[in-house]
PDB file of N, CA and C in Angstrom:
ATOM      1  N   MET A   1     104.463 111.752 120.480  1.00  0.00           N
ATOM      2  CA  MET A   1     105.758 111.790 120.067  1.00  0.00           C
ATOM      3  C   MET A   1     106.383 113.116 120.676  1.00  0.00           C
ATOM      4  N   LYS A   2     107.606 113.090 121.029  1.00  0.00           N
ATOM      5  CA  LYS A   2     108.240 114.367 121.587  1.00  0.00           C
ATOM      6  C   LYS A   2     108.741 115.204 120.439  1.00  0.00           C
ATOM      7  N   ILE A   3     108.377 116.488 120.485  1.00  0.00           N
ATOM      8  CA  ILE A   3     108.759 117.352 119.390  1.00  0.00           C
ATOM      9  C   ILE A   3     110.316 117.378 119.083  1.00  0.00           C
ATOM     10  N   GLU A   4     111.120 117.140 120.021  1.00  0.00           N
ATOM     11  CA  GLU A   4     112.535 117.025 119.832  1.00  0.00           C
ATOM     12  C   GLU A   4     112.862 116.043 118.729  1.00  0.00           C
ATOM     13  N   LYS A   5     112.233 114.923 118.831  1.00  0.00           N
ATOM     14  CA  LYS A   5     112.495 113.819 117.902  1.00  0.00           C
ATOM     15  C   LYS A   5     112.162 114.158 116.551  1.00  0.00           C
ATOM     16  N   ILE A   6     111.018 114.914 116.315  1.00  0.00           N
ATOM     17  CA  ILE A   6     110.580 115.450 114.973  1.00  0.00           C
ATOM     18  C   ILE A   6     111.533 116.485 114.592  1.00  0.00           C
ATOM     19  N   GLU A   7     112.091 117.405 115.406  1.00  0.00           N
ATOM     20  CA  GLU A   7     112.753 118.563 114.934  1.00  0.00           C
ATOM     21  C   GLU A   7     114.143 117.993 114.426  1.00  0.00           C
ATOM     22  N   ARG A   8     114.677 116.877 114.924  1.00  0.00           N
ATOM     23  CA  ARG A   8     115.929 116.309 114.394  1.00  0.00           C
ATOM     24  C   ARG A   8     115.854 115.999 113.081  1.00  0.00           C
ATOM     25  N   TYR A   9     114.773 115.698 112.502  1.00  0.00           N
ATOM     26  CA  TYR A   9     114.600 115.248 111.096  1.00  0.00           C
ATOM     27  C   TYR A   9     114.001 116.280 110.055  1.00  0.00           C
ATOM     28  N   LEU A  10     113.733 117.443 110.674  1.00  0.00           N
ATOM     29  CA  LEU A  10     113.023 118.436 109.907  1.00  0.00           C
ATOM     30  C   LEU A  10     114.062 119.176 108.834  1.00  0.00           C
ATOM     31  N   GLU A  11     113.575 119.316 107.619  1.00  0.00           N
ATOM     32  CA  GLU A  11     114.220 120.062 106.710  1.00  0.00           C
ATOM     33  C   GLU A  11     113.164 120.824 105.865  1.00  0.00           C
ATOM     34  N   GLU A  12     113.496 121.995 105.502  1.00  0.00           N
ATOM     35  CA  GLU A  12     112.394 122.608 104.634  1.00  0.00           C
ATOM     36  C   GLU A  12     112.312 121.892 103.332  1.00  0.00           C
ATOM     37  N   ASP A  13     111.183 121.964 102.766  1.00  0.00           N
ATOM     38  CA  ASP A  13     110.794 121.402 101.590  1.00  0.00           C
ATOM     39  C   ASP A  13     110.738 119.742 101.613  1.00  0.00           C
ATOM     40  N   SER A  14     110.536 119.280 102.722  1.00  0.00           N
ATOM     41  CA  SER A  14     110.393 117.816 102.823  1.00  0.00           C
ATOM     42  C   SER A  14     109.021 117.280 102.661  1.00  0.00           C
ATOM     43  N   ILE A  15     108.647 116.138 102.475  1.00  0.00           N
ATOM     44  CA  ILE A  15     107.400 115.652 102.260  1.00  0.00           C
ATOM     45  C   ILE A  15     107.330 114.389 103.352  1.00  0.00           C
ATOM     46  N   PHE A  16     106.300 114.588 104.226  1.00  0.00           N
ATOM     47  CA  PHE A  16     105.999 113.635 105.185  1.00  0.00           C
ATOM     48  C   PHE A  16     104.748 112.729 104.818  1.00  0.00           C
ATOM     49  N   PHE A  17     104.879 111.432 104.856  1.00  0.00           N
ATOM     50  CA  PHE A  17     103.778 110.700 104.543  1.00  0.00           C
ATOM     51  C   PHE A  17     103.464 109.918 105.843  1.00  0.00           C
ATOM     52  N   ILE A  18     102.235 110.198 106.313  1.00  0.00           N
ATOM     53  CA  ILE A  18     101.752 109.594 107.645  1.00  0.00           C
ATOM     54  C   ILE A  18     100.659 108.600 107.391  1.00  0.00           C
ATOM     55  N   ASP A  19     100.945 107.423 107.869  1.00  0.00           N
ATOM     56  CA  ASP A  19      99.964 106.253 107.737  1.00  0.00           C
ATOM     57  C   ASP A  19     100.157 105.538 109.025  1.00  0.00           C
ATOM     58  N   ILE A  20      99.476 105.969 110.020  1.00  0.00           N
ATOM     59  CA  ILE A  20      99.810 105.378 111.500  1.00  0.00           C
ATOM     60  C   ILE A  20      98.460 104.902 111.954  1.00  0.00           C
ATOM     61  N   GLU A  21      97.538 104.281 111.207  1.00  0.00           N
ATOM     62  CA  GLU A  21      96.368 103.442 111.630  1.00  0.00           C
ATOM     63  C   GLU A  21      95.487 104.229 112.657  1.00  0.00           C
ATOM     64  N   GLY A  22      95.253 105.477 112.332  1.00  0.00           N
ATOM     65  CA  GLY A  22      94.257 106.304 113.123  1.00  0.00           C
ATOM     66  C   GLY A  22      94.978 107.074 114.271  1.00  0.00           C
ATOM     67  N   SER A  23      96.218 106.977 114.544  1.00  0.00           N
ATOM     68  CA  SER A  23      97.044 107.720 115.498  1.00  0.00           C
ATOM     69  C   SER A  23      97.439 109.061 114.889  1.00  0.00           C
ATOM     70  N   GLU A  24      97.038 109.380 113.698  1.00  0.00           N
ATOM     71  CA  GLU A  24      97.449 110.601 113.163  1.00  0.00           C
ATOM     72  C   GLU A  24      96.737 111.773 113.911  1.00  0.00           C
ATOM     73  N   PHE A  25      95.592 111.450 114.526  1.00  0.00           N
ATOM     74  CA  PHE A  25      94.848 112.452 115.291  1.00  0.00           C
ATOM     75  C   PHE A  25      95.512 112.831 116.562  1.00  0.00           C
ATOM     76  N   ASN A  26      96.255 111.766 117.163  1.00  0.00           N
ATOM     77  CA  ASN A  26      97.019 112.094 118.362  1.00  0.00           C
ATOM     78  C   ASN A  26      98.348 112.766 117.978  1.00  0.00           C
ATOM     79  N   LEU A  27      98.945 112.403 116.966  1.00  0.00           N
ATOM     80  CA  LEU A  27     100.272 112.891 116.565  1.00  0.00           C
ATOM     81  C   LEU A  27     100.188 114.415 116.166  1.00  0.00           C
ATOM     82  N   LEU A  28      99.310 114.676 115.221  1.00  0.00           N
ATOM     83  CA  LEU A  28      99.288 116.119 114.505  1.00  0.00           C
ATOM     84  C   LEU A  28      98.433 117.024 115.341  1.00  0.00           C
ATOM     85  N   ASN A  29      99.026 117.463 116.360  1.00  0.00           N
ATOM     86  CA  ASN A  29      98.320 118.544 117.274  1.00  0.00           C
ATOM     87  C   ASN A  29      98.924 119.935 116.697  1.00  0.00           C
ATOM     88  N   ILE A  30      98.466 120.928 117.261  1.00  0.00           N
ATOM     89  CA  ILE A  30      98.837 122.389 116.780  1.00  0.00           C
ATOM     90  C   ILE A  30     100.269 122.667 116.894  1.00  0.00           C
ATOM     91  N   VAL A  31     100.924 122.152 117.877  1.00  0.00           N
ATOM     92  CA  VAL A  31     102.322 122.197 118.024  1.00  0.00           C
ATOM     93  C   VAL A  31     103.164 121.664 116.957  1.00  0.00           C
ATOM     94  N   ILE A  32     102.883 120.287 116.756  1.00  0.00           N
ATOM     95  CA  ILE A  32     103.492 119.524 115.756  1.00  0.00           C
ATOM     96  C   ILE A  32     103.232 120.106 114.324  1.00  0.00           C
ATOM     97  N   LEU A  33     101.968 120.466 114.062  1.00  0.00           N
ATOM     98  CA  LEU A  33     101.659 121.033 112.729  1.00  0.00           C
ATOM     99  C   LEU A  33     102.418 122.444 112.495  1.00  0.00           C
ATOM    100  N   SER A  34     102.629 123.208 113.503  1.00  0.00           N
ATOM    101  CA  SER A  34     103.374 124.463 113.314  1.00  0.00           C
ATOM    102  C   SER A  34     104.798 124.188 113.017  1.00  0.00           C
ATOM    103  N   LYS A  35     105.385 123.045 113.622  1.00  0.00           N
ATOM    104  CA  LYS A  35     106.809 122.768 113.340  1.00  0.00           C
ATOM    105  C   LYS A  35     107.065 122.174 111.942  1.00  0.00           C
ATOM    106  N   LEU A  36     105.926 121.505 111.418  1.00  0.00           N
ATOM    107  CA  LEU A  36     106.034 120.956 110.098  1.00  0.00           C
ATOM    108  C   LEU A  36     105.351 121.890 109.085  1.00  0.00           C
ATOM    109  N   SER A  37     105.109 123.078 109.322  1.00  0.00           N
ATOM    110  CA  SER A  37     104.463 123.932 108.410  1.00  0.00           C
ATOM    111  C   SER A  37     105.189 124.398 107.191  1.00  0.00           C
ATOM    112  N   ASN A  38     106.484 124.212 107.117  1.00  0.00           N
ATOM    113  CA  ASN A  38     107.264 124.359 105.836  1.00  0.00           C
ATOM    114  C   ASN A  38     107.328 123.320 105.005  1.00  0.00           C
ATOM    115  N   ASN A  39     106.559 122.049 105.205  1.00  0.00           N
ATOM    116  CA  ASN A  39     106.755 120.966 104.590  1.00  0.00           C
ATOM    117  C   ASN A  39     105.363 120.586 104.001  1.00  0.00           C
ATOM    118  N   VAL A  40     105.409 119.534 103.083  1.00  0.00           N
ATOM    119  CA  VAL A  40     104.098 119.101 102.596  1.00  0.00           C
ATOM    120  C   VAL A  40     103.906 117.749 103.394  1.00  0.00           C
ATOM    121  N   ILE A  41     102.718 117.550 103.790  1.00  0.00           N
ATOM    122  CA  ILE A  41     102.243 116.349 104.560  1.00  0.00           C
ATOM    123  C   ILE A  41     101.079 115.567 103.914  1.00  0.00           C
ATOM    124  N   VAL A  42     101.288 114.355 103.573  1.00  0.00           N
ATOM    125  CA  VAL A  42     100.198 113.590 103.097  1.00  0.00           C
ATOM    126  C   VAL A  42      99.839 112.523 104.156  1.00  0.00           C
ATOM    127  N   ILE A  43      98.469 112.544 104.564  1.00  0.00           N
ATOM    128  CA  ILE A  43      98.028 111.863 105.596  1.00  0.00           C
ATOM    129  C   ILE A  43      97.001 110.915 105.203  1.00  0.00           C
ATOM    130  N   GLU A  44      97.101 109.583 105.505  1.00  0.00           N
ATOM    131  CA  GLU A  44      95.987 108.537 105.220  1.00  0.00           C
ATOM    132  C   GLU A  44      95.038 108.677 106.523  1.00  0.00           C
ATOM    133  N   ILE A  45      93.861 109.023 106.284  1.00  0.00           N
ATOM    134  CA  ILE A  45      92.921 109.193 107.255  1.00  0.00           C
ATOM    135  C   ILE A  45      92.030 107.973 107.588  1.00  0.00           C
ATOM    136  N   TYR A  46      92.088 107.548 108.758  1.00  0.00           N
ATOM    137  CA  TYR A  46      91.225 106.342 109.248  1.00  0.00           C
ATOM    138  C   TYR A  46      89.928 106.851 109.845  1.00  0.00           C
ATOM    139  N   ASN A  47      88.850 106.685 109.257  1.00  0.00           N
ATOM    140  CA  ASN A  47      87.554 107.308 109.621  1.00  0.00           C
ATOM    141  C   ASN A  47      86.717 106.215 110.383  1.00  0.00           C
ATOM    142  N   TRP A  48      87.251 105.118 110.657  1.00  0.00           N
ATOM    143  CA  TRP A  48      86.388 104.169 111.532  1.00  0.00           C
ATOM    144  C   TRP A  48      86.964 104.016 112.915  1.00  0.00           C
ATOM    145  N   ILE A  49      87.482 105.118 113.427  1.00  0.00           N
ATOM    146  CA  ILE A  49      87.980 105.141 114.955  1.00  0.00           C
ATOM    147  C   ILE A  49      87.016 105.922 115.761  1.00  0.00           C
ATOM    148  N   ASP A  50      86.986 105.709 116.983  1.00  0.00           N
ATOM    149  CA  ASP A  50      86.118 106.320 117.948  1.00  0.00           C
ATOM    150  C   ASP A  50      86.183 107.781 117.926  1.00  0.00           C
ATOM    151  N   ASN A  51      85.050 108.527 117.892  1.00  0.00           N
ATOM    152  CA  ASN A  51      85.102 109.980 117.888  1.00  0.00           C
ATOM    153  C   ASN A  51      85.654 110.596 116.730  1.00  0.00           C
ATOM    154  N   PHE A  52      85.551 109.917 115.492  1.00  0.00           N
ATOM    155  CA  PHE A  52      86.222 110.269 114.265  1.00  0.00           C
ATOM    156  C   PHE A  52      85.796 111.788 113.895  1.00  0.00           C
ATOM    157  N   GLU A  53      84.493 112.043 113.945  1.00  0.00           N
ATOM    158  CA  GLU A  53      83.974 113.307 113.442  1.00  0.00           C
ATOM    159  C   GLU A  53      84.819 114.499 114.275  1.00  0.00           C
ATOM    160  N   ASP A  54      84.794 114.400 115.547  1.00  0.00           N
ATOM    161  CA  ASP A  54      85.426 115.364 116.369  1.00  0.00           C
ATOM    162  C   ASP A  54      86.863 115.603 116.154  1.00  0.00           C
ATOM    163  N   LYS A  55      87.645 114.392 116.061  1.00  0.00           N
ATOM    164  CA  LYS A  55      88.983 114.334 115.731  1.00  0.00           C
ATOM    165  C   LYS A  55      89.184 114.961 114.393  1.00  0.00           C
ATOM    166  N   TYR A  56      88.647 114.537 113.415  1.00  0.00           N
ATOM    167  CA  TYR A  56      88.822 115.062 111.972  1.00  0.00           C
ATOM    168  C   TYR A  56      88.469 116.585 112.023  1.00  0.00           C
ATOM    169  N   ILE A  57      87.544 117.102 112.473  1.00  0.00           N
ATOM    170  CA  ILE A  57      87.178 118.525 112.531  1.00  0.00           C
ATOM    171  C   ILE A  57      88.361 119.265 113.056  1.00  0.00           C
ATOM    172  N   LYS A  58      88.777 118.715 114.219  1.00  0.00           N
ATOM    173  CA  LYS A  58      89.891 119.341 114.952  1.00  0.00           C
ATOM    174  C   LYS A  58      91.154 119.466 114.072  1.00  0.00           C
ATOM    175  N   LEU A  59      91.518 118.247 113.553  1.00  0.00           N
ATOM    176  CA  LEU A  59      92.675 118.186 112.701  1.00  0.00           C
ATOM    177  C   LEU A  59      92.578 119.150 111.507  1.00  0.00           C
ATOM    178  N   LEU A  60      91.374 119.228 110.966  1.00  0.00           N
ATOM    179  CA  LEU A  60      91.193 120.251 109.769  1.00  0.00           C
ATOM    180  C   LEU A  60      91.510 121.703 110.296  1.00  0.00           C
ATOM    181  N   ARG A  61      90.816 121.897 111.446  1.00  0.00           N
ATOM    182  CA  ARG A  61      90.921 123.444 111.935  1.00  0.00           C
ATOM    183  C   ARG A  61      92.291 123.681 112.296  1.00  0.00           C
ATOM    184  N   ASP A  62      93.041 122.803 112.878  1.00  0.00           N
ATOM    185  CA  ASP A  62      94.498 123.089 113.455  1.00  0.00           C
ATOM    186  C   ASP A  62      95.312 123.194 112.108  1.00  0.00           C
ATOM    187  N   ALA A  63      95.126 122.267 111.128  1.00  0.00           N
ATOM    188  CA  ALA A  63      96.009 122.297 109.890  1.00  0.00           C
ATOM    189  C   ALA A  63      95.725 123.492 109.088  1.00  0.00           C
ATOM    190  N   ASN A  64      94.488 124.002 109.061  1.00  0.00           N
ATOM    191  CA  ASN A  64      94.236 125.165 108.254  1.00  0.00           C
ATOM    192  C   ASN A  64      94.903 126.455 108.781  1.00  0.00           C
ATOM    193  N   GLU A  65      95.333 126.424 109.942  1.00  0.00           N
ATOM    194  CA  GLU A  65      96.253 127.518 110.418  1.00  0.00           C
ATOM    195  C   GLU A  65      97.539 127.729 109.636  1.00  0.00           C
ATOM    196  N   PHE A  66      98.045 126.631 109.207  1.00  0.00           N
ATOM    197  CA  PHE A  66      99.377 126.602 108.468  1.00  0.00           C
ATOM    198  C   PHE A  66      99.383 126.129 107.044  1.00  0.00           C
ATOM    199  N   PHE A  67      98.413 125.360 106.660  1.00  0.00           N
ATOM    200  CA  PHE A  67      98.409 124.663 105.442  1.00  0.00           C
ATOM    201  C   PHE A  67      97.246 125.014 104.449  1.00  0.00           C
ATOM    202  N   THR A  68      97.418 124.778 103.334  1.00  0.00           N
ATOM    203  CA  THR A  68      96.310 124.561 102.292  1.00  0.00           C
ATOM    204  C   THR A  68      95.985 123.162 102.245  1.00  0.00           C
ATOM    205  N   ILE A  69      94.630 122.744 102.449  1.00  0.00           N
ATOM    206  CA  ILE A  69      94.223 121.372 102.617  1.00  0.00           C
ATOM    207  C   ILE A  69      93.650 120.863 101.336  1.00  0.00           C
ATOM    208  N   GLU A  70      93.985 119.777 100.925  1.00  0.00           N
ATOM    209  CA  GLU A  70      93.450 119.090  99.726  1.00  0.00           C
ATOM    210  C   GLU A  70      93.002 117.753 100.109  1.00  0.00           C
ATOM    211  N   ILE A  71      91.798 117.378  99.787  1.00  0.00           N
ATOM    212  CA  ILE A  71      91.215 116.005  99.993  1.00  0.00           C
ATOM    213  C   ILE A  71      91.640 115.088  98.809  1.00  0.00           C
ATOM    214  N   ILE A  72      92.270 114.083  98.963  1.00  0.00           N
ATOM    215  CA  ILE A  72      92.499 113.184  97.897  1.00  0.00           C
ATOM    216  C   ILE A  72      91.639 111.937  97.956  1.00  0.00           C
ATOM    217  N   GLU A  73      90.720 111.789  97.133  1.00  0.00           N
ATOM    218  CA  GLU A  73      89.948 110.689  97.296  1.00  0.00           C
ATOM    219  C   GLU A  73      90.605 109.440  96.635  1.00  0.00           C
ATOM    220  N   SER A  74      90.336 108.215  97.209  1.00  0.00           N
ATOM    221  CA  SER A  74      90.846 107.009  96.624  1.00  0.00           C
ATOM    222  C   SER A  74      90.330 106.767  95.259  1.00  0.00           C
ATOM    223  N   LEU A  75      91.126 106.205  94.353  1.00  0.00           N
ATOM    224  CA  LEU A  75      90.659 105.814  93.090  1.00  0.00           C
ATOM    225  C   LEU A  75      90.140 104.340  93.010  1.00  0.00           C
ATOM    226  N   ASN A  76      89.448 103.965  92.025  1.00  0.00           N
ATOM    227  CA  ASN A  76      88.973 102.525  91.911  1.00  0.00           C
ATOM    228  C   ASN A  76      90.204 101.772  91.498  1.00  0.00           C
ATOM    229  N   ARG A  77      90.332 100.537  91.848  1.00  0.00           N
ATOM    230  CA  ARG A  77      91.452  99.729  91.526  1.00  0.00           C
ATOM    231  C   ARG A  77      91.225  99.117  90.185  1.00  0.00           C
ATOM    232  N   PRO A  78      92.290  99.199  89.413  1.00  0.00           N
ATOM    233  CA  PRO A  78      92.172  98.770  88.030  1.00  0.00           C
ATOM    234  C   PRO A  78      92.172  97.209  87.813  1.00  0.00           C
ATOM    235  N   ILE A  79      91.086  96.601  88.093  1.00  0.00           N
ATOM    236  CA  ILE A  79      91.088  95.080  88.132  1.00  0.00           C
ATOM    237  C   ILE A  79      91.241  94.427  86.802  1.00  0.00           C
ATOM    238  N   HIS A  80      90.855  95.207  85.781  1.00  0.00           N
ATOM    239  CA  HIS A  80      90.906  94.654  84.322  1.00  0.00           C
ATOM    240  C   HIS A  80      92.295  94.852  83.755  1.00  0.00           C
ATOM    241  N   SER A  81      93.139  95.593  84.237  1.00  0.00           N
ATOM    242  CA  SER A  81      94.493  95.746  83.706  1.00  0.00           C
ATOM    243  C   SER A  81      95.502  94.706  84.187  1.00  0.00           C
ATOM    244  N   ARG A  82      95.111  93.861  85.130  1.00  0.00           N
ATOM    245  CA  ARG A  82      95.924  92.839  85.645  1.00  0.00           C
ATOM    246  C   ARG A  82      95.774  91.483  85.036  1.00  0.00           C
ATOM    247  N   LYS A  83      96.601  91.263  84.074  1.00  0.00           N
ATOM    248  CA  LYS A  83      96.548  90.025  83.122  1.00  0.00           C
ATOM    249  C   LYS A  83      96.538  88.696  83.963  1.00  0.00           C
ATOM    250  N   GLU A  84      97.386  88.741  85.050  1.00  0.00           N
ATOM    251  CA  GLU A  84      97.331  87.557  85.876  1.00  0.00           C
ATOM    252  C   GLU A  84      96.096  87.182  86.611  1.00  0.00           C
ATOM    253  N   LEU A  85      95.115  88.157  86.628  1.00  0.00           N
ATOM    254  CA  LEU A  85      93.822  87.872  87.325  1.00  0.00           C
ATOM    255  C   LEU A  85      92.729  87.580  86.181  1.00  0.00           C
ATOM    256  N   ASP A  86      93.069  87.427  84.973  1.00  0.00           N
ATOM    257  CA  ASP A  86      92.075  87.161  83.845  1.00  0.00           C
ATOM    258  C   ASP A  86      91.179  86.000  84.108  1.00  0.00           C
ATOM    259  N   HIS A  87      91.672  84.919  84.685  1.00  0.00           N
ATOM    260  CA  HIS A  87      90.991  83.742  84.907  1.00  0.00           C
ATOM    261  C   HIS A  87      89.968  83.805  86.141  1.00  0.00           C
ATOM    262  N   PHE A  88      90.066  84.803  86.911  1.00  0.00           N
ATOM    263  CA  PHE A  88      89.213  85.041  88.015  1.00  0.00           C
ATOM    264  C   PHE A  88      87.824  85.774  87.606  1.00  0.00           C
ATOM    265  N   HIS A  89      86.834  85.427  88.456  1.00  0.00           N
ATOM    266  CA  HIS A  89      85.626  86.182  88.301  1.00  0.00           C
ATOM    267  C   HIS A  89      85.801  87.607  88.889  1.00  0.00           C
ATOM    268  N   GLU A  90      84.897  88.541  88.344  1.00  0.00           N
ATOM    269  CA  GLU A  90      85.241  89.913  88.839  1.00  0.00           C
ATOM    270  C   GLU A  90      85.170  90.132  90.285  1.00  0.00           C
ATOM    271  N   ASP A  91      84.193  89.577  91.016  1.00  0.00           N
ATOM    272  CA  ASP A  91      84.079  89.654  92.519  1.00  0.00           C
ATOM    273  C   ASP A  91      85.412  89.209  93.185  1.00  0.00           C
ATOM    274  N   ASN A  92      85.838  87.986  92.582  1.00  0.00           N
ATOM    275  CA  ASN A  92      87.071  87.602  93.227  1.00  0.00           C
ATOM    276  C   ASN A  92      88.337  88.451  92.971  1.00  0.00           C
ATOM    277  N   LYS A  93      88.322  89.150  91.715  1.00  0.00           N
ATOM    278  CA  LYS A  93      89.380  90.140  91.503  1.00  0.00           C
ATOM    279  C   LYS A  93      89.395  91.253  92.528  1.00  0.00           C
ATOM    280  N   PHE A  94      88.172  91.701  92.715  1.00  0.00           N
ATOM    281  CA  PHE A  94      88.104  92.781  93.839  1.00  0.00           C
ATOM    282  C   PHE A  94      88.554  92.311  95.138  1.00  0.00           C
ATOM    283  N   LEU A  95      88.203  91.111  95.553  1.00  0.00           N
ATOM    284  CA  LEU A  95      88.665  90.590  96.814  1.00  0.00           C
ATOM    285  C   LEU A  95      90.202  90.468  96.860  1.00  0.00           C
ATOM    286  N   LEU A  96      90.748  89.927  95.823  1.00  0.00           N
ATOM    287  CA  LEU A  96      92.147  89.777  95.751  1.00  0.00           C
ATOM    288  C   LEU A  96      92.980  91.104  95.806  1.00  0.00           C
ATOM    289  N   LEU A  97      92.384  92.216  95.276  1.00  0.00           N
ATOM    290  CA  LEU A  97      93.157  93.432  95.349  1.00  0.00           C
ATOM    291  C   LEU A  97      92.573  94.381  96.552  1.00  0.00           C
ATOM    292  N   SER A  98      91.785  93.813  97.378  1.00  0.00           N
ATOM    293  CA  SER A  98      91.101  94.474  98.528  1.00  0.00           C
ATOM    294  C   SER A  98      92.181  94.598  99.568  1.00  0.00           C
ATOM    295  N   GLU A  99      92.259  95.767 100.450  1.00  0.00           N
ATOM    296  CA  GLU A  99      93.031  95.766 101.624  1.00  0.00           C
ATOM    297  C   GLU A  99      92.199  95.345 102.827  1.00  0.00           C
ATOM    298  N   GLY A 100      90.968  94.952 102.657  1.00  0.00           N
ATOM    299  CA  GLY A 100      90.077  94.565 103.717  1.00  0.00           C
ATOM    300  C   GLY A 100      89.633  95.762 104.565  1.00  0.00           C
ATOM    301  N   ARG A 101      89.646  96.936 104.122  1.00  0.00           N
ATOM    302  CA  ARG A 101      89.330  98.045 104.887  1.00  0.00           C
ATOM    303  C   ARG A 101      87.725  98.151 104.941  1.00  0.00           C
ATOM    304  N   PRO A 102      87.132  98.662 106.062  1.00  0.00           N
ATOM    305  CA  PRO A 102      85.688  98.818 106.128  1.00  0.00           C
ATOM    306  C   PRO A 102      85.044  99.850 105.142  1.00  0.00           C
ATOM    307  N   ASN A 103      85.813 100.769 104.612  1.00  0.00           N
ATOM    308  CA  ASN A 103      85.367 101.638 103.576  1.00  0.00           C
ATOM    309  C   ASN A 103      86.517 102.196 102.792  1.00  0.00           C
ATOM    310  N   ARG A 104      86.106 103.121 101.830  1.00  0.00           N
ATOM    311  CA  ARG A 104      87.256 103.641 100.941  1.00  0.00           C
ATOM    312  C   ARG A 104      88.131 104.617 101.762  1.00  0.00           C
ATOM    313  N   MET A 105      89.400 104.589 101.508  1.00  0.00           N
ATOM    314  CA  MET A 105      90.279 105.364 102.262  1.00  0.00           C
ATOM    315  C   MET A 105      90.226 106.867 101.723  1.00  0.00           C
ATOM    316  N   ARG A 106      90.658 107.694 102.515  1.00  0.00           N
ATOM    317  CA  ARG A 106      90.699 109.213 102.304  1.00  0.00           C
ATOM    318  C   ARG A 106      92.229 109.637 102.640  1.00  0.00           C
ATOM    319  N   HIS A 107      92.632 110.501 101.852  1.00  0.00           N
ATOM    320  CA  HIS A 107      93.948 111.074 102.163  1.00  0.00           C
ATOM    321  C   HIS A 107      93.922 112.609 102.086  1.00  0.00           C
ATOM    322  N   LEU A 108      94.634 113.278 102.942  1.00  0.00           N
ATOM    323  CA  LEU A 108      94.704 114.663 102.935  1.00  0.00           C
ATOM    324  C   LEU A 108      96.112 115.026 102.490  1.00  0.00           C
ATOM    325  N   LYS A 109      96.271 116.018 101.825  1.00  0.00           N
ATOM    326  CA  LYS A 109      97.555 116.589 101.363  1.00  0.00           C
ATOM    327  C   LYS A 109      97.523 118.105 101.906  1.00  0.00           C
ATOM    328  N   LEU A 110      98.433 118.366 102.830  1.00  0.00           N
ATOM    329  CA  LEU A 110      98.610 119.600 103.469  1.00  0.00           C
ATOM    330  C   LEU A 110      99.817 120.261 102.812  1.00  0.00           C
ATOM    331  N   SER A 111      99.696 121.455 102.253  1.00  0.00           N
ATOM    332  CA  SER A 111     100.751 122.199 101.664  1.00  0.00           C
ATOM    333  C   SER A 111     100.930 123.428 102.269  1.00  0.00           C
ATOM    334  N   PRO A 112     102.038 123.963 102.469  1.00  0.00           N
ATOM    335  CA  PRO A 112     102.437 125.073 103.306  1.00  0.00           C
ATOM    336  C   PRO A 112     101.760 126.274 102.574  1.00  0.00           C
ATOM    337  N   ARG A 113     101.275 127.184 103.582  1.00  0.00           N
ATOM    338  CA  ARG A 113     100.704 128.334 102.993  1.00  0.00           C
ATOM    339  C   ARG A 113     101.837 129.325 102.620  1.00  0.00           C
ATOM    340  N   ILE A 114     101.667 129.958 101.424  1.00  0.00           N
ATOM    341  CA  ILE A 114     102.582 130.953 100.921  1.00  0.00           C
ATOM    342  C   ILE A 114     102.425 132.267 101.327  1.00  0.00           C
TER     343      ILE A 114
END
């Protein structure tokens, strides 16, 4: 993505939610992170892409230059609080509420360093 396109929409104290199916590692390079450094960024991390370990470590190193990094682990889905699912077996409840991902999702919250 061209930096000029991002700069058009930047405002201080904005929150960016990034969920781009693994392309977060391509988008969030050191230049883009520096431009976004006054904003909060929440990123959904896809860890089943090629070369994940290297890309993830690089993202963490680059982000650490400008942000405080918090890992947000996914919570278990509340299958028993959904009354409309009461007549399903527990395994089927989990299947119905599943997003079909190969593993549990992880999110990062990047907060500007003060």
